[in-house]
C-alpha atoms as a PDB file:
ATOM      1  CA  MET A   1     -12.331  56.820  41.000  1.00  0.00           C
ATOM      2  CA  LYS A   2     -13.848  56.139  37.574  1.00  0.00           C
ATOM      3  CA  LYS A   3     -10.361  55.719  36.026  1.00  0.00           C
ATOM      4  CA  VAL A   4      -9.388  53.264  38.742  1.00  0.00           C
ATOM      5  CA  LEU A   5     -12.554  51.237  38.132  1.00  0.00           C
ATOM      6  CA  VAL A   6     -11.981  51.144  34.376  1.00  0.00           C
ATOM      7  CA  GLY A   7      -8.382  50.043  34.873  1.00  0.00           C
ATOM      8  CA  PHE A   8      -9.521  47.324  37.269  1.00  0.00           C
ATOM      9  CA  LEU A   9     -12.071  46.006  34.769  1.00  0.00           C
ATOM     10  CA  ILE A  10      -9.445  45.905  31.995  1.00  0.00           C
ATOM     11  CA  VAL A  11      -7.094  43.861  34.190  1.00  0.00           C
ATOM     12  CA  ILE A  12      -9.907  41.436  35.091  1.00  0.00           C
ATOM     13  CA  SER A  13     -10.828  41.048  31.382  1.00  0.00           C
ATOM     14  CA  ILE A  14      -7.237  40.237  30.455  1.00  0.00           C
ATOM     15  CA  LEU A  15      -6.980  37.646  33.226  1.00  0.00           C
ATOM     16  CA  ILE A  16     -10.243  36.009  32.124  1.00  0.00           C
ATOM     17  CA  PHE A  17      -9.100  35.916  28.485  1.00  0.00           C
ATOM     18  CA  VAL A  18      -5.747  34.378  29.407  1.00  0.00           C
ATOM     19  CA  GLY A  19      -7.404  31.875  31.720  1.00  0.00           C
ATOM     20  CA  CYS A  20      -9.800  30.729  28.986  1.00  0.00           C
ATOM     21  CA  SER A  21      -7.184  30.415  26.239  1.00  0.00           C
ATOM     22  CA  PRO A  22      -6.238  26.819  25.369  1.00  0.00           C
ATOM     23  CA  GLU A  23      -2.831  25.819  26.662  1.00  0.00           C
ATOM     24  CA  LYS A  24      -0.492  23.903  24.394  1.00  0.00           C
ATOM     25  CA  ASP A  25       1.083  20.883  26.002  1.00  0.00           C
ATOM     26  CA  VAL A  26       4.733  21.630  25.338  1.00  0.00           C
ATOM     27  CA  SER A  27       5.736  18.342  26.955  1.00  0.00           C
ATOM     28  CA  VAL A  28       4.390  16.452  23.911  1.00  0.00           C
ATOM     29  CA  PRO A  29       6.284  17.361  20.725  1.00  0.00           C
ATOM     30  CA  GLU A  30       4.280  17.535  17.524  1.00  0.00           C
ATOM     31  CA  LYS A  31       4.950  14.239  15.751  1.00  0.00           C
ATOM     32  CA  THR A  32       5.571  13.926  12.014  1.00  0.00           C
ATOM     33  CA  ILE A  33       4.164  10.592  10.853  1.00  0.00           C
ATOM     34  CA  LYS A  34       6.322   8.986   8.155  1.00  0.00           C
ATOM     35  CA  ILE A  35       4.764   6.623   5.615  1.00  0.00           C
ATOM     36  CA  GLY A  36       6.871   4.479   3.290  1.00  0.00           C
ATOM     37  CA  VAL A  37       5.594   3.978  -0.256  1.00  0.00           C
ATOM     38  CA  MET A  38       6.774   2.147  -3.354  1.00  0.00           C
ATOM     39  CA  PRO A  39       6.406   3.179  -7.024  1.00  0.00           C
ATOM     40  CA  ASP A  40       2.951   1.639  -7.320  1.00  0.00           C
ATOM     41  CA  VAL A  41      -0.671   2.675  -7.777  1.00  0.00           C
ATOM     42  CA  GLU A  42      -1.653   1.581  -4.254  1.00  0.00           C
ATOM     43  CA  SER A  43       0.055   4.618  -2.762  1.00  0.00           C
ATOM     44  CA  ILE A  44      -1.625   7.238  -4.928  1.00  0.00           C
ATOM     45  CA  PRO A  45      -4.419   8.255  -2.477  1.00  0.00           C
ATOM     46  CA  PHE A  46      -1.676   9.141   0.029  1.00  0.00           C
ATOM     47  CA  ILE A  47       0.301  11.016  -2.637  1.00  0.00           C
ATOM     48  CA  ILE A  48      -2.815  13.019  -3.544  1.00  0.00           C
ATOM     49  CA  ALA A  49      -3.652  13.665   0.125  1.00  0.00           C
ATOM     50  CA  GLU A  50      -0.190  15.161   0.589  1.00  0.00           C
ATOM     51  CA  LYS A  51      -0.368  17.232  -2.618  1.00  0.00           C
ATOM     52  CA  ASN A  52      -3.849  18.617  -1.909  1.00  0.00           C
ATOM     53  CA  GLY A  53      -3.171  19.443   1.739  1.00  0.00           C
ATOM     54  CA  TYR A  54      -5.653  16.976   3.204  1.00  0.00           C
ATOM     55  CA  PHE A  55      -3.243  15.945   5.973  1.00  0.00           C
ATOM     56  CA  ALA A  56      -2.784  19.583   6.977  1.00  0.00           C
ATOM     57  CA  GLN A  57      -6.560  20.048   6.995  1.00  0.00           C
ATOM     58  CA  GLU A  58      -6.779  17.197   9.497  1.00  0.00           C
ATOM     59  CA  GLY A  59      -4.106  18.814  11.660  1.00  0.00           C
ATOM     60  CA  VAL A  60      -1.540  16.061  11.229  1.00  0.00           C
ATOM     61  CA  LYS A  61       2.005  16.286   9.907  1.00  0.00           C
ATOM     62  CA  VAL A  62       2.845  13.553   7.401  1.00  0.00           C
ATOM     63  CA  LYS A  63       5.948  12.889   5.342  1.00  0.00           C
ATOM     64  CA  ILE A  64       5.755  10.446   2.439  1.00  0.00           C
ATOM     65  CA  GLU A  65       9.019   8.524   2.055  1.00  0.00           C
ATOM     66  CA  HIS A  66       9.641   6.982  -1.389  1.00  0.00           C
ATOM     67  CA  PHE A  67      11.488   3.664  -1.795  1.00  0.00           C
ATOM     68  CA  LYS A  68      12.612   1.777  -4.881  1.00  0.00           C
ATOM     69  CA  SER A  69      12.722  -1.651  -3.243  1.00  0.00           C
ATOM     70  CA  ALA A  70      10.637  -3.442  -0.619  1.00  0.00           C
ATOM     71  CA  GLN A  71      13.834  -4.486   1.147  1.00  0.00           C
ATOM     72  CA  ASP A  72      14.914  -0.872   1.689  1.00  0.00           C
ATOM     73  CA  ARG A  73      11.406   0.088   2.787  1.00  0.00           C
ATOM     74  CA  ASP A  74      11.187  -2.756   5.298  1.00  0.00           C
ATOM     75  CA  SER A  75      14.682  -2.024   6.647  1.00  0.00           C
ATOM     76  CA  ALA A  76      13.640   1.573   7.291  1.00  0.00           C
ATOM     77  CA  LEU A  77      10.440   0.385   8.943  1.00  0.00           C
ATOM     78  CA  GLN A  78      12.168  -2.044  11.308  1.00  0.00           C
ATOM     79  CA  SER A  79      14.854   0.479  12.222  1.00  0.00           C
ATOM     80  CA  GLY A  80      12.155   2.887  13.426  1.00  0.00           C
ATOM     81  CA  GLU A  81      12.415   5.392  10.561  1.00  0.00           C
ATOM     82  CA  LEU A  82       8.813   4.804   9.428  1.00  0.00           C
ATOM     83  CA  ASP A  83       5.458   4.683  11.163  1.00  0.00           C
ATOM     84  CA  GLY A  84       3.440   3.135   8.359  1.00  0.00           C
ATOM     85  CA  VAL A  85       3.853   1.425   4.996  1.00  0.00           C
ATOM     86  CA  ILE A  86       1.920   0.490   1.899  1.00  0.00           C
ATOM     87  CA  THR A  87       2.591  -3.241   1.914  1.00  0.00           C
ATOM     88  CA  ASP A  88       0.822  -6.610   1.809  1.00  0.00           C
ATOM     89  CA  ILE A  89      -0.402  -9.340   4.120  1.00  0.00           C
ATOM     90  CA  VAL A  90       2.565 -11.630   3.372  1.00  0.00           C
ATOM     91  CA  ALA A  91       5.027  -8.946   4.471  1.00  0.00           C
ATOM     92  CA  VAL A  92       3.003  -8.182   7.616  1.00  0.00           C
ATOM     93  CA  VAL A  93       3.028 -11.857   8.620  1.00  0.00           C
ATOM     94  CA  PHE A  94       6.777 -12.055   8.027  1.00  0.00           C
ATOM     95  CA  ALA A  95       7.297  -8.954  10.201  1.00  0.00           C
ATOM     96  CA  ASN A  96       5.308 -10.410  13.089  1.00  0.00           C
ATOM     97  CA  GLU A  97       7.025 -13.773  12.705  1.00  0.00           C
ATOM     98  CA  GLY A  98      10.305 -11.916  13.171  1.00  0.00           C
ATOM     99  CA  GLY A  99       9.057 -10.281  16.359  1.00  0.00           C
ATOM    100  CA  PHE A 100       8.241  -6.866  14.855  1.00  0.00           C
ATOM    101  CA  ASP A 101       4.837  -5.500  15.845  1.00  0.00           C
ATOM    102  CA  LEU A 102       3.132  -4.409  12.617  1.00  0.00           C
ATOM    103  CA  LYS A 103      -0.628  -4.153  12.253  1.00  0.00           C
ATOM    104  CA  ILE A 104      -2.827  -3.934   9.169  1.00  0.00           C
ATOM    105  CA  ILE A 105      -5.218  -0.983   9.298  1.00  0.00           C
ATOM    106  CA  ALA A 106      -6.811  -1.331   5.860  1.00  0.00           C
ATOM    107  CA  LYS A 107      -6.590  -3.207   2.594  1.00  0.00           C
ATOM    108  CA  ASN A 108      -5.268  -1.433  -0.467  1.00  0.00           C
ATOM    109  CA  ASP A 109      -6.606  -1.401  -4.008  1.00  0.00           C
ATOM    110  CA  GLY A 110      -3.615  -2.355  -6.137  1.00  0.00           C
ATOM    111  CA  ASN A 111      -4.072  -4.810  -8.995  1.00  0.00           C
ATOM    112  CA  ILE A 112      -1.666  -7.626  -9.927  1.00  0.00           C
ATOM    113  CA  GLU A 113      -1.788  -9.330 -13.323  1.00  0.00           C
ATOM    114  CA  LEU A 114      -0.377 -12.512 -14.830  1.00  0.00           C
ATOM    115  CA  LEU A 115       0.752 -11.828 -18.392  1.00  0.00           C
ATOM    116  CA  ALA A 116       2.060 -13.953 -21.246  1.00  0.00           C
ATOM    117  CA  GLY A 117       4.763 -12.612 -23.533  1.00  0.00           C
ATOM    118  CA  LYS A 118       3.889 -11.377 -27.000  1.00  0.00           C
ATOM    119  CA  GLU A 119       5.665 -14.274 -28.717  1.00  0.00           C
ATOM    120  CA  ALA A 120       4.960 -16.952 -26.078  1.00  0.00           C
ATOM    121  CA  GLY A 121       1.938 -18.382 -27.871  1.00  0.00           C
ATOM    122  CA  ILE A 122      -0.089 -18.430 -24.642  1.00  0.00           C
ATOM    123  CA  LYS A 123      -3.661 -17.213 -24.965  1.00  0.00           C
ATOM    124  CA  SER A 124      -5.245 -18.550 -21.770  1.00  0.00           C
ATOM    125  CA  LEU A 125      -4.249 -19.395 -18.212  1.00  0.00           C
ATOM    126  CA  GLY A 126      -4.611 -23.113 -18.876  1.00  0.00           C
ATOM    127  CA  GLU A 127      -1.782 -22.921 -21.421  1.00  0.00           C
ATOM    128  CA  VAL A 128       0.948 -21.910 -18.942  1.00  0.00           C
ATOM    129  CA  LYS A 129       1.708 -25.521 -18.025  1.00  0.00           C
ATOM    130  CA  GLY A 130       5.425 -26.169 -18.422  1.00  0.00           C
ATOM    131  CA  LYS A 131       6.181 -22.494 -19.110  1.00  0.00           C
ATOM    132  CA  ASP A 132       8.720 -20.191 -17.431  1.00  0.00           C
ATOM    133  CA  ILE A 133       6.931 -17.567 -15.331  1.00  0.00           C
ATOM    134  CA  GLY A 134       8.876 -14.674 -13.800  1.00  0.00           C
ATOM    135  CA  LEU A 135       8.114 -13.672 -10.221  1.00  0.00           C
ATOM    136  CA  SER A 136       9.594 -12.792  -6.846  1.00  0.00           C
ATOM    137  CA  THR A 137       9.520 -15.820  -4.557  1.00  0.00           C
ATOM    138  CA  ASN A 138       8.012 -15.949  -1.057  1.00  0.00           C
ATOM    139  CA  THR A 139       6.094 -12.727  -1.681  1.00  0.00           C
ATOM    140  CA  ILE A 140       2.593 -11.519  -2.463  1.00  0.00           C
ATOM    141  CA  MET A 141       3.492 -12.095  -6.113  1.00  0.00           C
ATOM    142  CA  GLU A 142       4.068 -15.805  -5.573  1.00  0.00           C
ATOM    143  CA  TYR A 143       0.978 -16.110  -3.374  1.00  0.00           C
ATOM    144  CA  THR A 144      -1.109 -14.433  -6.072  1.00  0.00           C
ATOM    145  CA  LEU A 145       0.355 -16.608  -8.831  1.00  0.00           C
ATOM    146  CA  ASP A 146      -0.372 -19.789  -6.860  1.00  0.00           C
ATOM    147  CA  LYS A 147      -3.985 -18.688  -6.345  1.00  0.00           C
ATOM    148  CA  MET A 148      -4.349 -17.947 -10.056  1.00  0.00           C
ATOM    149  CA  LEU A 149      -2.992 -21.384 -10.947  1.00  0.00           C
ATOM    150  CA  GLU A 150      -5.394 -22.950  -8.475  1.00  0.00           C
ATOM    151  CA  SER A 151      -8.310 -21.187 -10.194  1.00  0.00           C
ATOM    152  CA  ALA A 152      -7.332 -22.994 -13.414  1.00  0.00           C
ATOM    153  CA  GLN A 153      -6.962 -26.394 -11.699  1.00  0.00           C
ATOM    154  CA  LEU A 154      -3.165 -26.147 -11.956  1.00  0.00           C
ATOM    155  CA  THR A 155      -0.513 -26.476  -9.261  1.00  0.00           C
ATOM    156  CA  PRO A 156       2.782 -24.605  -8.755  1.00  0.00           C
ATOM    157  CA  ALA A 157       4.571 -27.771  -9.925  1.00  0.00           C
ATOM    158  CA  ASP A 158       2.899 -27.370 -13.340  1.00  0.00           C
ATOM    159  CA  ILE A 159       5.038 -24.329 -14.215  1.00  0.00           C
ATOM    160  CA  ASN A 160       8.680 -23.302 -13.947  1.00  0.00           C
ATOM    161  CA  LYS A 161       8.983 -20.452 -11.486  1.00  0.00           C
ATOM    162  CA  ALA A 162      11.755 -18.110 -12.607  1.00  0.00           C
ATOM    163  CA  ALA A 163      12.966 -15.915  -9.737  1.00  0.00           C
ATOM    164  CA  VAL A 164      13.291 -12.365 -11.039  1.00  0.00           C
ATOM    165  CA  PRO A 165      12.954 -10.087  -7.970  1.00  0.00           C
ATOM    166  CA  GLN A 166      13.419  -6.719  -9.678  1.00  0.00           C
ATOM    167  CA  LEU A 167      10.218  -5.546 -11.346  1.00  0.00           C
ATOM    168  CA  PRO A 168      11.837  -3.563 -14.206  1.00  0.00           C
ATOM    169  CA  THR A 169      14.053  -6.568 -15.019  1.00  0.00           C
ATOM    170  CA  ARG A 170      11.040  -8.878 -14.987  1.00  0.00           C
ATOM    171  CA  LEU A 171       9.194  -6.593 -17.396  1.00  0.00           C
ATOM    172  CA  GLU A 172      12.238  -6.390 -19.658  1.00  0.00           C
ATOM    173  CA  MET A 173      12.660 -10.191 -19.705  1.00  0.00           C
ATOM    174  CA  LEU A 174       8.970 -10.658 -20.512  1.00  0.00           C
ATOM    175  CA  GLN A 175       9.104  -8.200 -23.394  1.00  0.00           C
ATOM    176  CA  GLY A 176      12.395  -9.619 -24.627  1.00  0.00           C
ATOM    177  CA  GLY A 177      11.044 -13.179 -24.749  1.00  0.00           C
ATOM    178  CA  LYS A 178      13.469 -14.489 -22.123  1.00  0.00           C
ATOM    179  CA  ILE A 179      10.556 -15.770 -20.025  1.00  0.00           C
ATOM    180  CA  ASP A 180       7.147 -16.946 -21.214  1.00  0.00           C
ATOM    181  CA  GLY A 181       5.128 -15.035 -18.673  1.00  0.00           C
ATOM    182  CA  ALA A 182       5.389 -12.814 -15.633  1.00  0.00           C
ATOM    183  CA  ILE A 183       3.320 -11.607 -12.749  1.00  0.00           C
ATOM    184  CA  LEU A 184       3.411  -7.831 -12.461  1.00  0.00           C
ATOM    185  CA  PRO A 185       1.631  -5.086 -10.541  1.00  0.00           C
ATOM    186  CA  GLU A 186       0.214  -1.936 -12.049  1.00  0.00           C
ATOM    187  CA  PRO A 187       1.415   0.251 -13.636  1.00  0.00           C
ATOM    188  CA  LEU A 188       4.027  -2.072 -15.178  1.00  0.00           C
ATOM    189  CA  ALA A 189       1.359  -4.637 -16.054  1.00  0.00           C
ATOM    190  CA  GLY A 190      -0.496  -2.031 -18.101  1.00  0.00           C
ATOM    191  CA  LEU A 191       2.690  -1.068 -19.910  1.00  0.00           C
ATOM    192  CA  ALA A 192       3.398  -4.727 -20.732  1.00  0.00           C
ATOM    193  CA  ALA A 193      -0.132  -5.183 -22.084  1.00  0.00           C
ATOM    194  CA  GLU A 194       0.177  -2.047 -24.224  1.00  0.00           C
ATOM    195  CA  ASN A 195       3.374  -3.493 -25.695  1.00  0.00           C
ATOM    196  CA  GLY A 196       1.655  -6.719 -26.739  1.00  0.00           C
ATOM    197  CA  ALA A 197       1.586  -8.990 -23.671  1.00  0.00           C
ATOM    198  CA  THR A 198      -1.606 -10.972 -23.034  1.00  0.00           C
ATOM    199  CA  VAL A 199      -3.366 -10.597 -19.682  1.00  0.00           C
ATOM    200  CA  LEU A 200      -4.226 -14.091 -18.416  1.00  0.00           C
ATOM    201  CA  ASN A 201      -5.668 -13.212 -15.027  1.00  0.00           C
ATOM    202  CA  SER A 202      -5.760 -10.411 -12.461  1.00  0.00           C
ATOM    203  CA  THR A 203      -6.569  -9.901  -8.811  1.00  0.00           C
ATOM    204  CA  ASP A 204      -9.324  -7.529  -9.940  1.00  0.00           C
ATOM    205  CA  GLY A 205     -10.916 -10.452 -11.745  1.00  0.00           C
ATOM    206  CA  MET A 206     -10.386 -12.897  -8.893  1.00  0.00           C
ATOM    207  CA  ASP A 207     -11.416 -10.527  -6.096  1.00  0.00           C
ATOM    208  CA  ASN A 208      -8.414 -11.895  -4.223  1.00  0.00           C
ATOM    209  CA  LYS A 209      -6.276  -8.919  -3.227  1.00  0.00           C
ATOM    210  CA  ALA A 210      -3.777  -9.312  -0.410  1.00  0.00           C
ATOM    211  CA  GLY A 211      -2.474  -5.737  -0.345  1.00  0.00           C
ATOM    212  CA  ALA A 212      -2.415  -3.869   2.953  1.00  0.00           C
ATOM    213  CA  ILE A 213      -1.780  -0.522   4.636  1.00  0.00           C
ATOM    214  CA  ALA A 214      -0.023  -1.138   7.934  1.00  0.00           C
ATOM    215  CA  PHE A 215       1.306   0.839  10.902  1.00  0.00           C
ATOM    216  CA  THR A 216       3.663  -0.136  13.672  1.00  0.00           C
ATOM    217  CA  GLY A 217       2.221  -1.083  17.031  1.00  0.00           C
ATOM    218  CA  LYS A 218       4.399   1.647  18.567  1.00  0.00           C
ATOM    219  CA  SER A 219       2.899   4.348  16.366  1.00  0.00           C
ATOM    220  CA  LEU A 220      -0.640   3.122  17.014  1.00  0.00           C
ATOM    221  CA  LYS A 221      -0.026   3.246  20.753  1.00  0.00           C
ATOM    222  CA  GLU A 222       1.687   6.644  20.803  1.00  0.00           C
ATOM    223  CA  ASN A 223      -0.244   8.470  18.038  1.00  0.00           C
ATOM    224  CA  PRO A 224      -3.746   6.955  17.734  1.00  0.00           C
ATOM    225  CA  ALA A 225      -5.450  10.271  16.937  1.00  0.00           C
ATOM    226  CA  ALA A 226      -2.884  11.106  14.265  1.00  0.00           C
ATOM    227  CA  VAL A 227      -3.293   7.725  12.546  1.00  0.00           C
ATOM    228  CA  LYS A 228      -7.076   8.159  12.503  1.00  0.00           C
ATOM    229  CA  ALA A 229      -6.634  11.626  10.988  1.00  0.00           C
ATOM    230  CA  ILE A 230      -4.354  10.167   8.310  1.00  0.00           C
ATOM    231  CA  PHE A 231      -7.066   7.788   7.162  1.00  0.00           C
ATOM    232  CA  ARG A 232      -9.639  10.578   7.043  1.00  0.00           C
ATOM    233  CA  ALA A 233      -7.227  12.388   4.719  1.00  0.00           C
ATOM    234  CA  TYR A 234      -6.751   9.155   2.759  1.00  0.00           C
ATOM    235  CA  ASN A 235     -10.520   8.991   2.219  1.00  0.00           C
ATOM    236  CA  ASP A 236     -10.463  12.592   0.972  1.00  0.00           C
ATOM    237  CA  GLY A 237      -7.775  11.514  -1.507  1.00  0.00           C
ATOM    238  CA  VAL A 238      -9.980   8.647  -2.657  1.00  0.00           C
ATOM    239  CA  ALA A 239     -12.914  11.028  -3.150  1.00  0.00           C
ATOM    240  CA  TYR A 240     -10.738  13.360  -5.233  1.00  0.00           C
ATOM    241  CA  LEU A 241      -9.542  10.492  -7.446  1.00  0.00           C
ATOM    242  CA  ALA A 242     -13.155   9.411  -7.988  1.00  0.00           C
ATOM    243  CA  ARG A 243     -14.385  12.797  -9.171  1.00  0.00           C
ATOM    244  CA  GLU A 244     -11.420  14.176 -11.131  1.00  0.00           C
ATOM    245  CA  PRO A 245     -10.240  12.941 -14.553  1.00  0.00           C
ATOM    246  CA  VAL A 246      -6.870  11.151 -14.602  1.00  0.00           C
ATOM    247  CA  SER A 247      -5.544  13.743 -17.054  1.00  0.00           C
ATOM    248  CA  ASP A 248      -5.678  16.366 -14.282  1.00  0.00           C
ATOM    249  CA  TYR A 249      -3.055  14.627 -12.154  1.00  0.00           C
ATOM    250  CA  ALA A 250      -1.368  11.967 -14.338  1.00  0.00           C
ATOM    251  CA  ASP A 251       1.807  13.995 -14.923  1.00  0.00           C
ATOM    252  CA  PHE A 252       2.160  14.722 -11.215  1.00  0.00           C
ATOM    253  CA  ILE A 253       1.638  11.071 -10.270  1.00  0.00           C
ATOM    254  CA  ILE A 254       4.159   9.829 -12.838  1.00  0.00           C
ATOM    255  CA  GLU A 255       6.803  12.239 -11.561  1.00  0.00           C
ATOM    256  CA  ALA A 256       6.064  11.730  -7.857  1.00  0.00           C
ATOM    257  CA  GLN A 257       6.092   7.943  -8.114  1.00  0.00           C
ATOM    258  CA  GLY A 258       9.001   7.715 -10.523  1.00  0.00           C
ATOM    259  CA  PHE A 259       7.007   5.859 -13.165  1.00  0.00           C
ATOM    260  CA  PRO A 260       8.555   5.588 -16.644  1.00  0.00           C
ATOM    261  CA  PRO A 261       7.479   8.685 -18.623  1.00  0.00           C
ATOM    262  CA  ASN A 262       6.143   6.501 -21.460  1.00  0.00           C
ATOM    263  CA  ILE A 263       3.651   4.897 -19.094  1.00  0.00           C
ATOM    264  CA  LYS A 264       1.156   7.771 -19.343  1.00  0.00           C
ATOM    265  CA  GLY A 265      -0.798   6.216 -22.207  1.00  0.00           C
ATOM    266  CA  SER A 266      -1.225   2.896 -20.387  1.00  0.00           C
ATOM    267  CA  LEU A 267      -1.675   4.196 -16.836  1.00  0.00           C
ATOM    268  CA  GLN A 268      -4.616   2.337 -15.327  1.00  0.00           C
ATOM    269  CA  LEU A 269      -5.716   3.250 -11.834  1.00  0.00           C
ATOM    270  CA  PRO A 270      -7.950   1.018  -9.727  1.00  0.00           C
ATOM    271  CA  GLN A 271     -11.343   2.095  -8.527  1.00  0.00           C
ATOM    272  CA  TYR A 272     -10.186   3.210  -5.108  1.00  0.00           C
ATOM    273  CA  SER A 273     -12.421   2.562  -2.137  1.00  0.00           C
ATOM    274  CA  ARG A 274     -12.546   4.297   1.217  1.00  0.00           C
ATOM    275  CA  ALA A 275     -10.286   2.752   3.814  1.00  0.00           C
ATOM    276  CA  GLU A 276     -11.738  -0.539   5.007  1.00  0.00           C
ATOM    277  CA  LEU A 277     -10.545  -3.620   6.829  1.00  0.00           C
ATOM    278  CA  PRO A 278      -9.100  -6.526   4.855  1.00  0.00           C
ATOM    279  CA  ASP A 279     -11.207  -9.618   4.193  1.00  0.00           C
ATOM    280  CA  GLU A 280     -10.766 -12.081   7.042  1.00  0.00           C
ATOM    281  CA  LYS A 281     -10.809 -15.028   4.627  1.00  0.00           C
ATOM    282  CA  ILE A 282      -7.928 -13.606   2.580  1.00  0.00           C
ATOM    283  CA  VAL A 283      -5.828 -12.955   5.699  1.00  0.00           C
ATOM    284  CA  SER A 284      -6.435 -16.530   6.853  1.00  0.00           C
ATOM    285  CA  ASP A 285      -5.664 -17.898   3.389  1.00  0.00           C
ATOM    286  CA  VAL A 286      -2.329 -16.052   3.244  1.00  0.00           C
ATOM    287  CA  VAL A 287      -1.312 -17.433   6.638  1.00  0.00           C
ATOM    288  CA  GLN A 288      -2.238 -20.965   5.582  1.00  0.00           C
ATOM    289  CA  TRP A 289      -0.276 -20.581   2.320  1.00  0.00           C
ATOM    290  CA  MET A 290       2.800 -19.418   4.220  1.00  0.00           C
ATOM    291  CA  GLN A 291       2.490 -22.283   6.686  1.00  0.00           C
ATOM    292  CA  ALA A 292       2.128 -24.832   3.877  1.00  0.00           C
ATOM    293  CA  LYS A 293       5.317 -23.499   2.274  1.00  0.00           C
ATOM    294  CA  LYS A 294       7.025 -23.607   5.703  1.00  0.00           C
ATOM    295  CA  LEU A 295       7.810 -19.906   5.492  1.00  0.00           C
ATOM    296  CA  ILE A 296       6.618 -19.369   9.068  1.00  0.00           C
ATOM    297  CA  LYS A 297       6.416 -21.440  12.227  1.00  0.00           C
ATOM    298  CA  GLY A 298       3.786 -19.427  14.067  1.00  0.00           C
ATOM    299  CA  SER A 299       0.021 -19.375  13.699  1.00  0.00           C
ATOM    300  CA  TYR A 300      -1.711 -16.017  13.360  1.00  0.00           C
ATOM    301  CA  ASP A 301      -5.362 -15.135  13.781  1.00  0.00           C
ATOM    302  CA  TYR A 302      -7.033 -12.098  12.236  1.00  0.00           C
ATOM    303  CA  LYS A 303      -6.858 -10.200  15.524  1.00  0.00           C
ATOM    304  CA  ASP A 304      -3.115 -10.821  15.733  1.00  0.00           C
ATOM    305  CA  LEU A 305      -2.474  -9.051  12.437  1.00  0.00           C
ATOM    306  CA  VAL A 306      -5.276  -6.484  12.056  1.00  0.00           C
ATOM    307  CA  ASP A 307      -6.019  -3.417  14.189  1.00  0.00           C
ATOM    308  CA  GLN A 308      -9.766  -2.841  14.129  1.00  0.00           C
ATOM    309  CA  THR A 309      -9.875   0.379  16.188  1.00  0.00           C
ATOM    310  CA  VAL A 310      -8.587   3.028  13.759  1.00  0.00           C
ATOM    311  CA  LEU A 311     -11.421   2.818  11.228  1.00  0.00           C
ATOM    312  CA  ARG A 312     -14.222   2.759  13.780  1.00  0.00           C
END
């Protein structure tokens, strides 16, 4: 009788244990969130979060996809191959104007600089009048350049805008004296300055950054918890970058981002901040700039372009 009772209690214990164990919902496959990045400093907190396992700690699967051109990145985004991108407000407005649902989650901390060539004879922003300035048109680069000119009481008509879309080519033309000045992001701006170019202005100095981290409306709807976890990991990456010397991870960053090897001595990283919403005034200003240039027909409010739920 005692053996029967013991056996009965064992069976009951097993049933209770099985009944209390969490059940995995096999109907919902575990999603890998794909984020598209460019060879820039804005993406580095995500690169560090992947390297240090912060995404895994948050229980989310993330794959960082590297792109050499914004066109390739945006094509992958609109074809459904990416969930999120390191981008800018101009690109987000263009996406929504084209009917693609893309929402800004946070600003990013990249810096853009206007530089004069070593032999251009330009020492201040006011001296660029009539000069050839290399840029990519209808982009954040042109928006930033126009705002810099405005700060010096100049207009876009006061300079000659030379369309040089490829960043390495723009840097090469600046250093070779084929253009008088150029607008460049880090880390190429730092390399140009190290090689003798003069920094005339920067978005760090203007406090006028239009960079953005954005996710598709589809991803936000289907994977809200995962996107929130990604930004917690992003903040862990920011904390790591704040406490560790650049020398500890510079080689890894240069290789991962495909930076020129000789950039190590001039590599300047921004003071990264925890993920936060973009400034409403900057978003509005970008939209107005695009409307004035007749780049878009629609009108977009802050709420149309920015998701304010993820960072709550």
